[in-house]
C-alpha atoms as a PDB file:
ATOM      1  CA  MET A   1      -5.591  34.361   2.965  1.00  0.00           C
ATOM      2  CA  ALA A   2      -8.010  32.263   5.126  1.00  0.00           C
ATOM      3  CA  LYS A   3      -7.564  28.496   5.170  1.00  0.00           C
ATOM      4  CA  TRP A   4     -10.578  26.890   3.705  1.00  0.00           C
ATOM      5  CA  THR A   5     -12.356  24.196   5.847  1.00  0.00           C
ATOM      6  CA  PRO A   6     -15.296  21.995   4.827  1.00  0.00           C
ATOM      7  CA  THR A   7     -18.541  22.679   6.318  1.00  0.00           C
ATOM      8  CA  HIS A   8     -19.813  19.017   6.220  1.00  0.00           C
ATOM      9  CA  GLU A   9     -18.387  15.839   7.586  1.00  0.00           C
ATOM     10  CA  ALA A  10     -16.522  13.472   5.447  1.00  0.00           C
ATOM     11  CA  PRO A  11     -18.378  10.310   4.417  1.00  0.00           C
ATOM     12  CA  GLU A  12     -17.539   6.986   5.970  1.00  0.00           C
ATOM     13  CA  PRO A  13     -14.890   5.066   4.152  1.00  0.00           C
ATOM     14  CA  LEU A  14     -16.187   2.273   1.863  1.00  0.00           C
ATOM     15  CA  GLU A  15     -15.562  -1.254   3.113  1.00  0.00           C
ATOM     16  CA  GLY A  16     -15.297  -4.247   0.914  1.00  0.00           C
ATOM     17  CA  PRO A  17     -13.356  -7.452   0.237  1.00  0.00           C
ATOM     18  CA  ILE A  18      -9.968  -5.684   0.842  1.00  0.00           C
ATOM     19  CA  VAL A  19      -7.804  -8.655   1.348  1.00  0.00           C
ATOM     20  CA  PRO A  20      -8.903 -10.611  -1.851  1.00  0.00           C
ATOM     21  CA  THR A  21      -8.601  -7.419  -3.902  1.00  0.00           C
ATOM     22  CA  ILE A  22      -5.022  -6.807  -2.763  1.00  0.00           C
ATOM     23  CA  ILE A  23      -3.988 -10.519  -3.201  1.00  0.00           C
ATOM     24  CA  GLY A  24      -5.663 -10.275  -6.768  1.00  0.00           C
ATOM     25  CA  GLY A  25      -3.598  -7.215  -7.654  1.00  0.00           C
ATOM     26  CA  THR A  26      -0.363  -8.701  -6.322  1.00  0.00           C
ATOM     27  CA  ILE A  27      -0.996 -11.840  -8.461  1.00  0.00           C
ATOM     28  CA  LEU A  28      -1.656  -9.852 -11.389  1.00  0.00           C
ATOM     29  CA  TRP A  29       1.570  -7.756 -11.139  1.00  0.00           C
ATOM     30  CA  PHE A  30       3.510 -11.023 -10.661  1.00  0.00           C
ATOM     31  CA  VAL A  31       1.859 -12.544 -13.808  1.00  0.00           C
ATOM     32  CA  LEU A  32       2.727  -9.442 -15.773  1.00  0.00           C
ATOM     33  CA  PHE A  33       6.296  -9.752 -14.578  1.00  0.00           C
ATOM     34  CA  LEU A  34       6.496 -13.352 -15.578  1.00  0.00           C
ATOM     35  CA  ALA A  35       4.871 -12.750 -19.025  1.00  0.00           C
ATOM     36  CA  GLN A  36       7.448  -9.956 -19.736  1.00  0.00           C
ATOM     37  CA  LEU A  37      10.492 -11.966 -18.516  1.00  0.00           C
ATOM     38  CA  PRO A  38      11.044 -13.918 -21.827  1.00  0.00           C
ATOM     39  CA  PHE A  39      11.269 -10.534 -23.648  1.00  0.00           C
ATOM     40  CA  TYR A  40      14.008  -9.183 -21.377  1.00  0.00           C
ATOM     41  CA  GLY A  41      16.375  -8.599 -24.288  1.00  0.00           C
ATOM     42  CA  TRP A  42      13.870  -6.680 -26.253  1.00  0.00           C
ATOM     43  CA  PHE A  43      12.942  -4.539 -23.331  1.00  0.00           C
ATOM     44  CA  ASP A  44      16.675  -3.830 -22.810  1.00  0.00           C
ATOM     45  CA  ASP A  45      17.412  -2.932 -26.429  1.00  0.00           C
ATOM     46  CA  HIS A  46      14.489  -0.575 -26.768  1.00  0.00           C
ATOM     47  CA  GLY A  47      15.021   1.193 -23.204  1.00  0.00           C
ATOM     48  CA  HIS A  48      11.767  -0.235 -21.696  1.00  0.00           C
ATOM     49  CA  LEU A  49      13.407  -2.407 -19.103  1.00  0.00           C
ATOM     50  CA  TRP A  50      11.761  -0.370 -16.447  1.00  0.00           C
ATOM     51  CA  TRP A  51       8.523  -1.971 -17.304  1.00  0.00           C
ATOM     52  CA  LEU A  52       9.799  -5.348 -16.089  1.00  0.00           C
ATOM     53  CA  TRP A  53      10.962  -3.853 -12.731  1.00  0.00           C
ATOM     54  CA  THR A  54       7.878  -1.934 -12.253  1.00  0.00           C
ATOM     55  CA  CYS A  55       5.983  -5.148 -12.354  1.00  0.00           C
ATOM     56  CA  LEU A  56       8.379  -6.743  -9.900  1.00  0.00           C
ATOM     57  CA  ALA A  57       8.218  -3.651  -7.582  1.00  0.00           C
ATOM     58  CA  GLY A  58       4.320  -4.001  -7.775  1.00  0.00           C
ATOM     59  CA  SER A  59       4.623  -7.685  -6.767  1.00  0.00           C
ATOM     60  CA  GLY A  60       6.835  -6.739  -3.751  1.00  0.00           C
ATOM     61  CA  LEU A  61       4.673  -3.822  -2.603  1.00  0.00           C
ATOM     62  CA  GLY A  62       1.630  -6.188  -2.981  1.00  0.00           C
ATOM     63  CA  LEU A  63       3.221  -8.591  -0.583  1.00  0.00           C
ATOM     64  CA  ILE A  64       3.641  -5.802   1.910  1.00  0.00           C
ATOM     65  CA  GLY A  65       0.060  -4.735   1.278  1.00  0.00           C
ATOM     66  CA  ILE A  66      -1.253  -8.259   1.952  1.00  0.00           C
ATOM     67  CA  TRP A  67       0.693  -8.381   5.325  1.00  0.00           C
ATOM     68  CA  TYR A  68      -0.905  -4.904   6.108  1.00  0.00           C
ATOM     69  CA  VAL A  69      -4.469  -5.434   5.123  1.00  0.00           C
ATOM     70  CA  ARG A  70      -4.598  -8.975   6.838  1.00  0.00           C
ATOM     71  CA  GLY A  71      -3.449  -7.317  10.039  1.00  0.00           C
ATOM     72  CA  ARG A  72      -5.917  -4.457   9.587  1.00  0.00           C
ATOM     73  CA  ASP A  73      -8.677  -6.986   8.892  1.00  0.00           C
ATOM     74  CA  ALA A  74      -7.777  -9.088  11.948  1.00  0.00           C
ATOM     75  CA  ALA A  75      -7.785  -5.937  14.129  1.00  0.00           C
ATOM     76  CA  LEU A  76     -11.136  -4.722  12.940  1.00  0.00           C
ATOM     77  CA  LYS A  77     -12.713  -8.207  13.516  1.00  0.00           C
ATOM     78  CA  ARG A  78     -11.084  -8.288  17.087  1.00  0.00           C
ATOM     79  CA  MET A  79     -12.511  -4.931  17.893  1.00  0.00           C
ATOM     80  CA  ALA A  80     -15.938  -5.957  16.721  1.00  0.00           C
ATOM     81  CA  GLY A  81     -15.745  -9.108  18.682  1.00  0.00           C
ATOM     82  CA  GLU A  82     -14.651  -7.047  21.819  1.00  0.00           C
ATOM     83  CA  ALA A  83     -17.718  -4.547  21.321  1.00  0.00           C
ATOM     84  CA  ALA A  84     -20.077  -7.437  20.806  1.00  0.00           C
ATOM     85  CA  ALA A  85     -18.792  -9.118  24.012  1.00  0.00           C
ATOM     86  CA  GLN A  86     -19.320  -5.944  26.025  1.00  0.00           C
ATOM     87  CA  GLY A  87     -22.927  -5.703  25.074  1.00  0.00           C
ATOM     88  CA  PRO A  88     -25.225  -3.342  23.187  1.00  0.00           C
ATOM     89  CA  ALA A  89     -24.543  -0.358  25.422  1.00  0.00           C
ATOM     90  CA  ALA A  90     -20.857  -0.265  24.681  1.00  0.00           C
ATOM     91  CA  ALA A  91     -21.637  -0.574  20.821  1.00  0.00           C
ATOM     92  CA  ALA A  92     -23.920   2.493  21.107  1.00  0.00           C
ATOM     93  CA  GLU A  93     -21.111   4.729  22.385  1.00  0.00           C
END
């Protein structure tokens, strides 16, 4: 069976306010963790303790995500600055 390959190019990725989005999501996960913390006993009694730890894991992974997207954003800005410094001929390439 032949491998299917697309006949058109993939669209450009959407760019938006990535850093604030990741920060907002991380804050939301941590707020959910704090909101559930007083009910630790209830979650433990009913076998839903994983909800609490899922929120904490989301917060931790969000911190890694913040570090990653801030570095990515800085690299994109640095590349754009270098392209602008080299002039319009380099930007067209």
